[in-house]
Amino acid sequence: MSHTLGVRQAQKRKTRQALLDAALGLLEEQSLSSLGLREVTRAVGVAPTAFYRHFRSTADLGVALVEEALGSLHPMIRSTVATTGDSAERIDRAVEVIAGHVEAYPAHVRFVARERHGGVRPVREAIRAQLARFADEVKAELARDPVSEGWDDGDLLMLAHLYVDQMLVTASLFLEALEAPAPQRERERVTRLAARQLRLISIGRRHWPD
């Protein structure tokens, strides 16, 4: 009996992941608000009623995609503001980490960029909640840095949001670079621009207490 249940659970997880993967593929060319569950189930090869064994609605599926796209990034985000190395090294490392993630998961980045201000409220709220968690985690790392000594919580959180927002902008630029006529040259341009923008934030950070 336990073996049978295990097989069923594994099959259920497999179907759920197939629905997520199919939806992500379909969302390459459209927004979540225009996606129909029949499109998703047709792509997977299951009956439309099977969809509801895994998700309550396409909005619920979208929230699951947000978790898949952003949930695993928390260690990466924290690592980009770790206190090891000087400021220039941290910035260069952060830019390369973002570029590598975009190249590995372009569909996830495209989905988040489109749906962050899209028409499906639960998905917007899920993205906002994940970004707020990022900011809190970055704030905690910044508070450990001697450069932030004496800063109050409000200013630390404001700085954390600046870094998170800039990381999102950088990810979007790297995504565009992948689709440029000369992607490698555009990637290099975005790398230089992103590093300069992050350095500008860092310079402002050092002088903010003044």
C-alpha atoms as a PDB file:
ATOM      1  CA  MET A   1       0.000   0.000   0.000  1.00  0.00           C
ATOM      2  CA  SER A   2       2.751   2.469   0.956  1.00  0.00           C
ATOM      3  CA  HIS A   3       4.541   1.716  -2.313  1.00  0.00           C
ATOM      4  CA  THR A   4       1.356   2.442  -4.272  1.00  0.00           C
ATOM      5  CA  LEU A   5       0.853   5.721  -2.397  1.00  0.00           C
ATOM      6  CA  GLY A   6       4.454   6.642  -3.083  1.00  0.00           C
ATOM      7  CA  VAL A   7       4.019   6.018  -6.796  1.00  0.00           C
ATOM      8  CA  ARG A   8       0.834   8.102  -6.843  1.00  0.00           C
ATOM      9  CA  GLN A   9       2.487  10.965  -4.995  1.00  0.00           C
ATOM     10  CA  ALA A  10       5.438  10.892  -7.377  1.00  0.00           C
ATOM     11  CA  GLN A  11       3.088  10.931 -10.367  1.00  0.00           C
ATOM     12  CA  LYS A  12       1.120  13.805  -8.846  1.00  0.00           C
ATOM     13  CA  ARG A  13       4.309  15.831  -8.342  1.00  0.00           C
ATOM     14  CA  LYS A  14       5.368  15.019 -11.903  1.00  0.00           C
ATOM     15  CA  THR A  15       2.045  16.217 -13.343  1.00  0.00           C
ATOM     16  CA  ARG A  16       2.115  19.361 -11.223  1.00  0.00           C
ATOM     17  CA  GLN A  17       5.606  20.200 -12.447  1.00  0.00           C
ATOM     18  CA  ALA A  18       4.564  19.477 -16.024  1.00  0.00           C
ATOM     19  CA  LEU A  19       1.710  21.982 -15.664  1.00  0.00           C
ATOM     20  CA  LEU A  20       4.115  24.602 -14.296  1.00  0.00           C
ATOM     21  CA  ASP A  21       6.613  23.978 -17.095  1.00  0.00           C
ATOM     22  CA  ALA A  22       3.913  24.106 -19.766  1.00  0.00           C
ATOM     23  CA  ALA A  23       2.498  27.348 -18.371  1.00  0.00           C
ATOM     24  CA  LEU A  24       5.948  28.916 -18.245  1.00  0.00           C
ATOM     25  CA  GLY A  25       6.510  28.003 -21.880  1.00  0.00           C
ATOM     26  CA  LEU A  26       3.160  29.451 -22.937  1.00  0.00           C
ATOM     27  CA  LEU A  27       3.872  32.635 -20.970  1.00  0.00           C
ATOM     28  CA  GLU A  28       6.882  33.349 -23.156  1.00  0.00           C
ATOM     29  CA  GLU A  29       4.461  34.976 -25.592  1.00  0.00           C
ATOM     30  CA  GLN A  30       1.552  36.150 -23.443  1.00  0.00           C
ATOM     31  CA  SER A  31       0.603  37.447 -20.021  1.00  0.00           C
ATOM     32  CA  LEU A  32      -0.874  35.314 -17.267  1.00  0.00           C
ATOM     33  CA  SER A  33      -4.190  37.178 -17.447  1.00  0.00           C
ATOM     34  CA  SER A  34      -4.705  35.872 -20.994  1.00  0.00           C
ATOM     35  CA  LEU A  35      -3.627  32.295 -20.254  1.00  0.00           C
ATOM     36  CA  GLY A  36      -6.386  29.680 -20.223  1.00  0.00           C
ATOM     37  CA  LEU A  37      -6.158  26.499 -18.183  1.00  0.00           C
ATOM     38  CA  ARG A  38      -7.236  24.480 -21.236  1.00  0.00           C
ATOM     39  CA  GLU A  39      -4.129  25.736 -23.041  1.00  0.00           C
ATOM     40  CA  VAL A  40      -1.995  24.448 -20.190  1.00  0.00           C
ATOM     41  CA  THR A  41      -3.676  21.068 -19.870  1.00  0.00           C
ATOM     42  CA  ARG A  42      -3.627  20.599 -23.641  1.00  0.00           C
ATOM     43  CA  ALA A  43       0.124  21.211 -23.661  1.00  0.00           C
ATOM     44  CA  VAL A  44       0.604  18.583 -20.937  1.00  0.00           C
ATOM     45  CA  GLY A  45      -1.852  16.113 -22.424  1.00  0.00           C
ATOM     46  CA  VAL A  46      -4.224  15.840 -19.458  1.00  0.00           C
ATOM     47  CA  ALA A  47      -7.924  16.556 -19.076  1.00  0.00           C
ATOM     48  CA  PRO A  48      -8.894  20.104 -17.965  1.00  0.00           C
ATOM     49  CA  THR A  49     -10.387  18.675 -14.768  1.00  0.00           C
ATOM     50  CA  ALA A  50      -6.927  17.374 -13.828  1.00  0.00           C
ATOM     51  CA  PHE A  51      -5.754  20.969 -13.476  1.00  0.00           C
ATOM     52  CA  TYR A  52      -7.876  21.438 -10.349  1.00  0.00           C
ATOM     53  CA  ARG A  53      -6.159  18.583  -8.561  1.00  0.00           C
ATOM     54  CA  HIS A  54      -3.076  20.809  -8.405  1.00  0.00           C
ATOM     55  CA  PHE A  55      -4.204  24.450  -8.640  1.00  0.00           C
ATOM     56  CA  ARG A  56      -7.382  26.325  -7.785  1.00  0.00           C
ATOM     57  CA  SER A  57      -7.007  28.690 -10.750  1.00  0.00           C
ATOM     58  CA  THR A  58      -4.470  30.077 -13.203  1.00  0.00           C
ATOM     59  CA  ALA A  59      -3.772  32.777 -10.591  1.00  0.00           C
ATOM     60  CA  ASP A  60      -2.891  30.039  -8.100  1.00  0.00           C
ATOM     61  CA  LEU A  61      -0.612  28.481 -10.724  1.00  0.00           C
ATOM     62  CA  GLY A  62       0.983  31.909 -11.229  1.00  0.00           C
ATOM     63  CA  VAL A  63       1.713  32.214  -7.510  1.00  0.00           C
ATOM     64  CA  ALA A  64       3.394  28.808  -7.644  1.00  0.00           C
ATOM     65  CA  LEU A  65       5.502  30.040 -10.560  1.00  0.00           C
ATOM     66  CA  VAL A  66       6.540  33.060  -8.498  1.00  0.00           C
ATOM     67  CA  GLU A  67       7.721  30.747  -5.724  1.00  0.00           C
ATOM     68  CA  GLU A  68       9.592  28.625  -8.254  1.00  0.00           C
ATOM     69  CA  ALA A  69      11.164  31.658  -9.925  1.00  0.00           C
ATOM     70  CA  LEU A  70      12.109  33.654  -6.816  1.00  0.00           C
ATOM     71  CA  GLY A  71      11.986  31.320  -3.843  1.00  0.00           C
ATOM     72  CA  SER A  72      15.348  29.717  -4.551  1.00  0.00           C
ATOM     73  CA  LEU A  73      17.102  33.066  -5.041  1.00  0.00           C
ATOM     74  CA  HIS A  74      17.310  34.114  -1.404  1.00  0.00           C
ATOM     75  CA  PRO A  75      20.786  32.625  -0.789  1.00  0.00           C
ATOM     76  CA  MET A  76      22.018  34.222  -4.031  1.00  0.00           C
ATOM     77  CA  ILE A  77      20.683  37.652  -3.101  1.00  0.00           C
ATOM     78  CA  ARG A  78      22.280  37.458   0.342  1.00  0.00           C
ATOM     79  CA  SER A  79      25.597  36.397  -1.168  1.00  0.00           C
ATOM     80  CA  THR A  80      25.744  39.466  -3.398  1.00  0.00           C
ATOM     81  CA  VAL A  81      25.917  41.751  -0.366  1.00  0.00           C
ATOM     82  CA  ALA A  82      28.145  39.550   1.808  1.00  0.00           C
ATOM     83  CA  THR A  83      30.852  41.520   3.575  1.00  0.00           C
ATOM     84  CA  THR A  84      33.781  39.534   2.197  1.00  0.00           C
ATOM     85  CA  GLY A  85      35.940  41.418  -0.282  1.00  0.00           C
ATOM     86  CA  ASP A  86      35.979  45.120  -1.072  1.00  0.00           C
ATOM     87  CA  SER A  87      33.078  47.030  -2.594  1.00  0.00           C
ATOM     88  CA  ALA A  88      34.262  46.664  -6.216  1.00  0.00           C
ATOM     89  CA  GLU A  89      34.686  42.894  -5.814  1.00  0.00           C
ATOM     90  CA  ARG A  90      31.219  42.527  -4.326  1.00  0.00           C
ATOM     91  CA  ILE A  91      29.659  44.551  -7.114  1.00  0.00           C
ATOM     92  CA  ASP A  92      31.425  42.613  -9.862  1.00  0.00           C
ATOM     93  CA  ARG A  93      30.409  39.337  -8.214  1.00  0.00           C
ATOM     94  CA  ALA A  94      26.802  40.496  -7.884  1.00  0.00           C
ATOM     95  CA  VAL A  95      26.585  41.479 -11.553  1.00  0.00           C
ATOM     96  CA  GLU A  96      28.053  38.167 -12.708  1.00  0.00           C
ATOM     97  CA  VAL A  97      25.705  36.188 -10.456  1.00  0.00           C
ATOM     98  CA  ILE A  98      22.698  38.039 -11.882  1.00  0.00           C
ATOM     99  CA  ALA A  99      23.907  37.533 -15.458  1.00  0.00           C
ATOM    100  CA  GLY A 100      24.440  33.826 -14.852  1.00  0.00           C
ATOM    101  CA  HIS A 101      20.983  33.400 -13.367  1.00  0.00           C
ATOM    102  CA  VAL A 102      19.312  35.188 -16.288  1.00  0.00           C
ATOM    103  CA  GLU A 103      21.165  33.007 -18.780  1.00  0.00           C
ATOM    104  CA  ALA A 104      20.171  29.852 -16.884  1.00  0.00           C
ATOM    105  CA  TYR A 105      16.515  30.784 -16.282  1.00  0.00           C
ATOM    106  CA  PRO A 106      15.399  33.356 -18.883  1.00  0.00           C
ATOM    107  CA  ALA A 107      11.758  32.231 -18.876  1.00  0.00           C
ATOM    108  CA  HIS A 108      11.470  32.712 -15.111  1.00  0.00           C
ATOM    109  CA  VAL A 109      13.040  36.169 -15.299  1.00  0.00           C
ATOM    110  CA  ARG A 110      10.733  37.160 -18.162  1.00  0.00           C
ATOM    111  CA  PHE A 111       7.690  35.933 -16.225  1.00  0.00           C
ATOM    112  CA  VAL A 112       8.559  37.946 -13.099  1.00  0.00           C
ATOM    113  CA  ALA A 113       9.426  41.074 -15.094  1.00  0.00           C
ATOM    114  CA  ARG A 114       6.093  40.936 -16.945  1.00  0.00           C
ATOM    115  CA  GLU A 115       3.850  39.959 -14.045  1.00  0.00           C
ATOM    116  CA  ARG A 116       5.355  42.270 -11.423  1.00  0.00           C
ATOM    117  CA  HIS A 117       2.995  44.960 -12.699  1.00  0.00           C
ATOM    118  CA  GLY A 118       0.599  42.622 -14.512  1.00  0.00           C
ATOM    119  CA  GLY A 119      -3.131  42.194 -14.253  1.00  0.00           C
ATOM    120  CA  VAL A 120      -3.310  39.254 -11.820  1.00  0.00           C
ATOM    121  CA  ARG A 121      -3.436  40.654  -8.309  1.00  0.00           C
ATOM    122  CA  PRO A 122      -2.457  37.514  -6.321  1.00  0.00           C
ATOM    123  CA  VAL A 123       0.640  37.156  -8.495  1.00  0.00           C
ATOM    124  CA  ARG A 124       1.586  40.825  -8.089  1.00  0.00           C
ATOM    125  CA  GLU A 125       1.203  40.427  -4.339  1.00  0.00           C
ATOM    126  CA  ALA A 126       3.277  37.224  -4.321  1.00  0.00           C
ATOM    127  CA  ILE A 127       6.081  38.967  -6.208  1.00  0.00           C
ATOM    128  CA  ARG A 128       5.868  41.962  -3.874  1.00  0.00           C
ATOM    129  CA  ALA A 129       6.088  39.672  -0.846  1.00  0.00           C
ATOM    130  CA  GLN A 130       9.154  37.885  -2.222  1.00  0.00           C
ATOM    131  CA  LEU A 131      10.868  41.197  -2.973  1.00  0.00           C
ATOM    132  CA  ALA A 132      10.080  42.421   0.535  1.00  0.00           C
ATOM    133  CA  ARG A 133      11.753  39.271   1.900  1.00  0.00           C
ATOM    134  CA  PHE A 134      14.783  39.979  -0.293  1.00  0.00           C
ATOM    135  CA  ALA A 135      14.970  43.516   1.074  1.00  0.00           C
ATOM    136  CA  ASP A 136      14.758  42.288   4.677  1.00  0.00           C
ATOM    137  CA  GLU A 137      17.540  39.761   4.035  1.00  0.00           C
ATOM    138  CA  VAL A 138      19.751  42.342   2.316  1.00  0.00           C
ATOM    139  CA  LYS A 139      19.085  44.752   5.186  1.00  0.00           C
ATOM    140  CA  ALA A 140      20.274  42.128   7.681  1.00  0.00           C
ATOM    141  CA  GLU A 141      23.501  41.662   5.702  1.00  0.00           C
ATOM    142  CA  LEU A 142      24.051  45.410   5.374  1.00  0.00           C
ATOM    143  CA  ALA A 143      23.586  45.880   9.117  1.00  0.00           C
ATOM    144  CA  ARG A 144      26.610  43.615   9.703  1.00  0.00           C
ATOM    145  CA  ASP A 145      28.830  45.738   7.477  1.00  0.00           C
ATOM    146  CA  PRO A 146      30.983  48.309   9.350  1.00  0.00           C
ATOM    147  CA  VAL A 147      30.096  50.864   6.633  1.00  0.00           C
ATOM    148  CA  SER A 148      26.526  50.813   7.961  1.00  0.00           C
ATOM    149  CA  GLU A 149      27.490  51.471  11.563  1.00  0.00           C
ATOM    150  CA  GLY A 150      25.091  53.946  13.156  1.00  0.00           C
ATOM    151  CA  TRP A 151      22.400  53.615  10.479  1.00  0.00           C
ATOM    152  CA  ASP A 152      18.807  53.316  11.670  1.00  0.00           C
ATOM    153  CA  ASP A 153      16.502  50.547  10.467  1.00  0.00           C
ATOM    154  CA  GLY A 154      14.564  52.814   8.126  1.00  0.00           C
ATOM    155  CA  ASP A 155      17.635  53.940   6.225  1.00  0.00           C
ATOM    156  CA  LEU A 156      19.017  50.385   6.070  1.00  0.00           C
ATOM    157  CA  LEU A 157      15.729  49.127   4.614  1.00  0.00           C
ATOM    158  CA  MET A 158      15.668  51.990   2.100  1.00  0.00           C
ATOM    159  CA  LEU A 159      19.187  51.059   0.973  1.00  0.00           C
ATOM    160  CA  ALA A 160      18.244  47.378   0.783  1.00  0.00           C
ATOM    161  CA  HIS A 161      15.306  48.205  -1.486  1.00  0.00           C
ATOM    162  CA  LEU A 162      17.621  50.249  -3.709  1.00  0.00           C
ATOM    163  CA  TYR A 163      19.895  47.239  -4.142  1.00  0.00           C
ATOM    164  CA  VAL A 164      17.004  44.838  -4.784  1.00  0.00           C
ATOM    165  CA  ASP A 165      15.367  47.170  -7.303  1.00  0.00           C
ATOM    166  CA  GLN A 166      18.677  47.632  -9.100  1.00  0.00           C
ATOM    167  CA  MET A 167      19.190  43.870  -9.248  1.00  0.00           C
ATOM    168  CA  LEU A 168      15.782  43.522 -10.923  1.00  0.00           C
ATOM    169  CA  VAL A 169      16.615  46.254 -13.433  1.00  0.00           C
ATOM    170  CA  THR A 170      19.934  44.559 -14.146  1.00  0.00           C
ATOM    171  CA  ALA A 171      18.235  41.189 -14.658  1.00  0.00           C
ATOM    172  CA  SER A 172      15.824  42.759 -17.170  1.00  0.00           C
ATOM    173  CA  LEU A 173      18.729  44.330 -19.066  1.00  0.00           C
ATOM    174  CA  PHE A 174      20.569  41.015 -19.237  1.00  0.00           C
ATOM    175  CA  LEU A 175      17.377  39.392 -20.507  1.00  0.00           C
ATOM    176  CA  GLU A 176      17.187  41.957 -23.311  1.00  0.00           C
ATOM    177  CA  ALA A 177      20.855  41.331 -24.075  1.00  0.00           C
ATOM    178  CA  LEU A 178      20.116  37.649 -24.724  1.00  0.00           C
ATOM    179  CA  GLU A 179      17.758  38.680 -27.515  1.00  0.00           C
ATOM    180  CA  ALA A 180      19.996  41.389 -29.019  1.00  0.00           C
ATOM    181  CA  PRO A 181      21.562  40.983 -32.500  1.00  0.00           C
ATOM    182  CA  ALA A 182      25.006  40.826 -30.870  1.00  0.00           C
ATOM    183  CA  PRO A 183      24.268  39.241 -27.466  1.00  0.00           C
ATOM    184  CA  GLN A 184      27.844  38.954 -26.205  1.00  0.00           C
ATOM    185  CA  ARG A 185      28.637  42.586 -26.962  1.00  0.00           C
ATOM    186  CA  GLU A 186      25.370  43.688 -25.374  1.00  0.00           C
ATOM    187  CA  ARG A 187      26.068  41.508 -22.330  1.00  0.00           C
ATOM    188  CA  GLU A 188      29.418  43.246 -21.868  1.00  0.00           C
ATOM    189  CA  ARG A 189      27.767  46.657 -22.174  1.00  0.00           C
ATOM    190  CA  VAL A 190      25.126  45.737 -19.589  1.00  0.00           C
ATOM    191  CA  THR A 191      27.827  44.358 -17.268  1.00  0.00           C
ATOM    192  CA  ARG A 192      29.711  47.660 -17.350  1.00  0.00           C
ATOM    193  CA  LEU A 193      26.551  49.725 -16.926  1.00  0.00           C
ATOM    194  CA  ALA A 194      25.229  47.603 -14.045  1.00  0.00           C
ATOM    195  CA  ALA A 195      28.548  47.765 -12.199  1.00  0.00           C
ATOM    196  CA  ARG A 196      28.633  51.572 -12.548  1.00  0.00           C
ATOM    197  CA  GLN A 197      25.056  51.896 -11.300  1.00  0.00           C
ATOM    198  CA  LEU A 198      25.720  49.713  -8.264  1.00  0.00           C
ATOM    199  CA  ARG A 199      28.914  51.656  -7.546  1.00  0.00           C
ATOM    200  CA  LEU A 200      26.926  54.880  -7.614  1.00  0.00           C
ATOM    201  CA  ILE A 201      24.593  53.467  -4.956  1.00  0.00           C
ATOM    202  CA  SER A 202      27.622  52.373  -2.910  1.00  0.00           C
ATOM    203  CA  ILE A 203      29.213  55.815  -3.127  1.00  0.00           C
ATOM    204  CA  GLY A 204      25.982  57.400  -1.966  1.00  0.00           C
ATOM    205  CA  ARG A 205      25.833  54.880   0.852  1.00  0.00           C
ATOM    206  CA  ARG A 206      29.259  55.874   2.155  1.00  0.00           C
ATOM    207  CA  HIS A 207      28.276  59.553   2.235  1.00  0.00           C
ATOM    208  CA  TRP A 208      24.686  59.209   3.398  1.00  0.00           C
ATOM    209  CA  PRO A 209      25.405  59.759   7.134  1.00  0.00           C
ATOM    210  CA  ASP A 210      26.937  63.140   6.223  1.00  0.00           C
END
